[in-house]
Every structure is written in C-alpha cells, then in structure tokens.
Amino acid sequence: LGFMVDFLSHATIVGFMAGAATVVSLQQLKDLLGLERFTDETDLLDVLRSVFSQIHL
C-alpha cells in the first residue's frame, strides 16, 4: 500500500502521522503515570479528564 502515498500531499501525510502519534501518546499516559482507571476514549478532553480526576496532591 506504500504506492498510495505517492498520490497524497505532504501536508496530508504529516497530518496523519501527527494524529497517529497523538493517539498513541495519549494511550500511553496510563502506563507512564501509573493510573489505575483510564478511559478507552481517544478524545483529548476525555483523556485529560481521566488523568486529572486521579491526581493526588
């Protein structure tokens, strides 16, 4: 499927890769921060809500 990249613009490819990297990074927050409960959503607001609801000051 690599030949299909030839038909896409550079901006499209960069945007797709940035989006994929964002989703992967957000899903790794659970292990990085040691959270017990974490959302399965990939929406930024849901992830941040899940992270900040478990902060123990």
N, C-alpha and C. Protein backbone atom coordinates (compact mmCIF):
# COMPACT_ATOMS: atom_id res chain seq x y z
N LEU A 1 0.81 -1.20 0.00
CA LEU A 1 0.00 0.00 0.00
C LEU A 1 0.85 1.26 0.00
N GLY A 2 2.15 1.10 0.03
CA GLY A 2 3.03 2.25 0.05
C GLY A 2 2.94 3.11 -1.19
N PHE A 3 2.54 2.53 -2.31
CA PHE A 3 2.44 3.30 -3.54
C PHE A 3 1.34 4.35 -3.45
N MET A 4 0.38 4.17 -2.55
CA MET A 4 -0.71 5.13 -2.41
C MET A 4 -0.22 6.46 -1.84
N VAL A 5 0.90 6.44 -1.13
CA VAL A 5 1.45 7.66 -0.55
C VAL A 5 1.85 8.63 -1.65
N ASP A 6 2.21 8.11 -2.81
CA ASP A 6 2.59 8.97 -3.93
C ASP A 6 1.45 9.87 -4.37
N PHE A 7 0.22 9.49 -4.08
CA PHE A 7 -0.94 10.26 -4.52
C PHE A 7 -1.43 11.25 -3.47
N LEU A 8 -0.83 11.24 -2.29
CA LEU A 8 -1.24 12.14 -1.21
C LEU A 8 -0.24 13.27 -1.07
N SER A 9 -0.75 14.44 -0.65
CA SER A 9 0.15 15.58 -0.47
C SER A 9 0.98 15.40 0.80
N HIS A 10 2.06 16.14 0.86
CA HIS A 10 2.95 16.08 2.02
C HIS A 10 2.20 16.49 3.29
N ALA A 11 1.37 17.53 3.19
CA ALA A 11 0.62 18.00 4.35
C ALA A 11 -0.33 16.93 4.87
N THR A 12 -0.94 16.17 3.98
CA THR A 12 -1.85 15.10 4.38
C THR A 12 -1.10 14.01 5.14
N ILE A 13 0.05 13.64 4.64
CA ILE A 13 0.85 12.59 5.28
C ILE A 13 1.34 13.05 6.66
N VAL A 14 1.81 14.29 6.74
CA VAL A 14 2.29 14.82 8.02
C VAL A 14 1.15 14.90 9.02
N GLY A 15 -0.01 15.34 8.58
CA GLY A 15 -1.17 15.43 9.47
C GLY A 15 -1.61 14.07 9.98
N PHE A 16 -1.61 13.09 9.10
CA PHE A 16 -1.99 11.73 9.51
C PHE A 16 -1.00 11.18 10.53
N MET A 17 0.28 11.37 10.28
CA MET A 17 1.29 10.85 11.21
C MET A 17 1.23 11.58 12.55
N ALA A 18 0.97 12.88 12.53
CA ALA A 18 0.86 13.62 13.79
C ALA A 18 -0.36 13.15 14.58
N GLY A 19 -1.46 12.90 13.90
CA GLY A 19 -2.65 12.40 14.57
C GLY A 19 -2.43 11.03 15.17
N ALA A 20 -1.77 10.16 14.43
CA ALA A 20 -1.48 8.82 14.94
C ALA A 20 -0.55 8.89 16.15
N ALA A 21 0.44 9.75 16.09
CA ALA A 21 1.38 9.90 17.21
C ALA A 21 0.66 10.45 18.44
N THR A 22 -0.28 11.35 18.24
CA THR A 22 -1.04 11.91 19.36
C THR A 22 -1.89 10.84 20.04
N VAL A 23 -2.57 10.03 19.24
CA VAL A 23 -3.41 8.96 19.80
C VAL A 23 -2.57 7.96 20.58
N VAL A 24 -1.45 7.55 20.03
CA VAL A 24 -0.57 6.59 20.71
C VAL A 24 -0.03 7.20 22.00
N SER A 25 0.39 8.45 21.96
CA SER A 25 0.93 9.11 23.15
C SER A 25 -0.11 9.22 24.25
N LEU A 26 -1.34 9.59 23.90
CA LEU A 26 -2.39 9.71 24.90
C LEU A 26 -2.72 8.36 25.53
N GLN A 27 -2.69 7.31 24.76
CA GLN A 27 -2.99 5.99 25.31
C GLN A 27 -1.86 5.46 26.19
N GLN A 28 -0.65 5.96 26.02
CA GLN A 28 0.47 5.52 26.84
C GLN A 28 0.54 6.25 28.17
N LEU A 29 -0.29 7.28 28.37
CA LEU A 29 -0.28 8.02 29.62
C LEU A 29 -0.63 7.13 30.81
N LYS A 30 -1.48 6.15 30.60
CA LYS A 30 -1.88 5.26 31.69
C LYS A 30 -0.66 4.59 32.31
N ASP A 31 0.16 3.99 31.49
CA ASP A 31 1.35 3.30 31.99
C ASP A 31 2.41 4.28 32.49
N LEU A 32 2.54 5.39 31.82
CA LEU A 32 3.55 6.37 32.20
C LEU A 32 3.26 6.97 33.57
N LEU A 33 1.99 7.25 33.85
CA LEU A 33 1.61 7.89 35.10
C LEU A 33 1.16 6.89 36.17
N GLY A 34 1.06 5.62 35.81
CA GLY A 34 0.65 4.60 36.77
C GLY A 34 -0.80 4.72 37.20
N LEU A 35 -1.68 5.06 36.29
CA LEU A 35 -3.09 5.24 36.62
C LEU A 35 -3.80 3.90 36.66
N GLU A 36 -4.73 3.76 37.61
CA GLU A 36 -5.49 2.52 37.72
C GLU A 36 -6.68 2.52 36.78
N ARG A 37 -7.42 3.61 36.79
CA ARG A 37 -8.59 3.72 35.91
C ARG A 37 -8.24 4.70 34.80
N PHE A 38 -8.55 4.32 33.59
CA PHE A 38 -8.23 5.18 32.47
C PHE A 38 -9.28 5.00 31.40
N THR A 39 -9.56 6.03 30.68
CA THR A 39 -10.58 5.99 29.64
C THR A 39 -10.09 5.23 28.42
N ASP A 40 -11.01 4.62 27.71
CA ASP A 40 -10.68 3.96 26.44
C ASP A 40 -10.88 4.91 25.27
N GLU A 41 -11.35 6.11 25.55
CA GLU A 41 -11.60 7.09 24.51
C GLU A 41 -10.27 7.69 24.02
N THR A 42 -10.28 8.18 22.80
CA THR A 42 -9.09 8.84 22.27
C THR A 42 -9.29 10.35 22.18
N ASP A 43 -10.43 10.84 22.65
CA ASP A 43 -10.71 12.26 22.64
C ASP A 43 -9.83 12.94 23.70
N LEU A 44 -9.19 14.02 23.33
CA LEU A 44 -8.24 14.70 24.21
C LEU A 44 -8.89 15.12 25.53
N LEU A 45 -10.10 15.65 25.48
CA LEU A 45 -10.76 16.10 26.70
C LEU A 45 -11.08 14.94 27.63
N ASP A 46 -11.53 13.81 27.09
CA ASP A 46 -11.81 12.64 27.92
C ASP A 46 -10.54 12.12 28.59
N VAL A 47 -9.46 12.11 27.85
CA VAL A 47 -8.19 11.63 28.40
C VAL A 47 -7.71 12.56 29.51
N LEU A 48 -7.75 13.86 29.27
CA LEU A 48 -7.30 14.81 30.29
C LEU A 48 -8.20 14.76 31.52
N ARG A 49 -9.50 14.61 31.32
CA ARG A 49 -10.43 14.48 32.45
C ARG A 49 -10.08 13.24 33.27
N SER A 50 -9.77 12.15 32.61
CA SER A 50 -9.42 10.92 33.30
C SER A 50 -8.12 11.07 34.08
N VAL A 51 -7.14 11.74 33.50
CA VAL A 51 -5.85 11.94 34.16
C VAL A 51 -6.01 12.84 35.38
N PHE A 52 -6.67 13.99 35.21
CA PHE A 52 -6.76 14.95 36.30
C PHE A 52 -7.73 14.52 37.40
N SER A 53 -8.62 13.59 37.11
CA SER A 53 -9.52 13.10 38.16
C SER A 53 -8.79 12.18 39.14
N GLN A 54 -7.60 11.74 38.78
CA GLN A 54 -6.85 10.81 39.63
C GLN A 54 -5.62 11.44 40.27
N ILE A 55 -5.52 12.75 40.22
CA ILE A 55 -4.37 13.43 40.83
C ILE A 55 -4.54 13.44 42.34
N HIS A 56 -3.50 13.04 43.02
CA HIS A 56 -3.50 13.03 44.48
C HIS A 56 -2.44 14.03 44.95
N LEU A 57 -2.91 15.14 45.44
CA LEU A 57 -1.97 16.19 45.88
C LEU A 57 -1.61 16.04 47.33
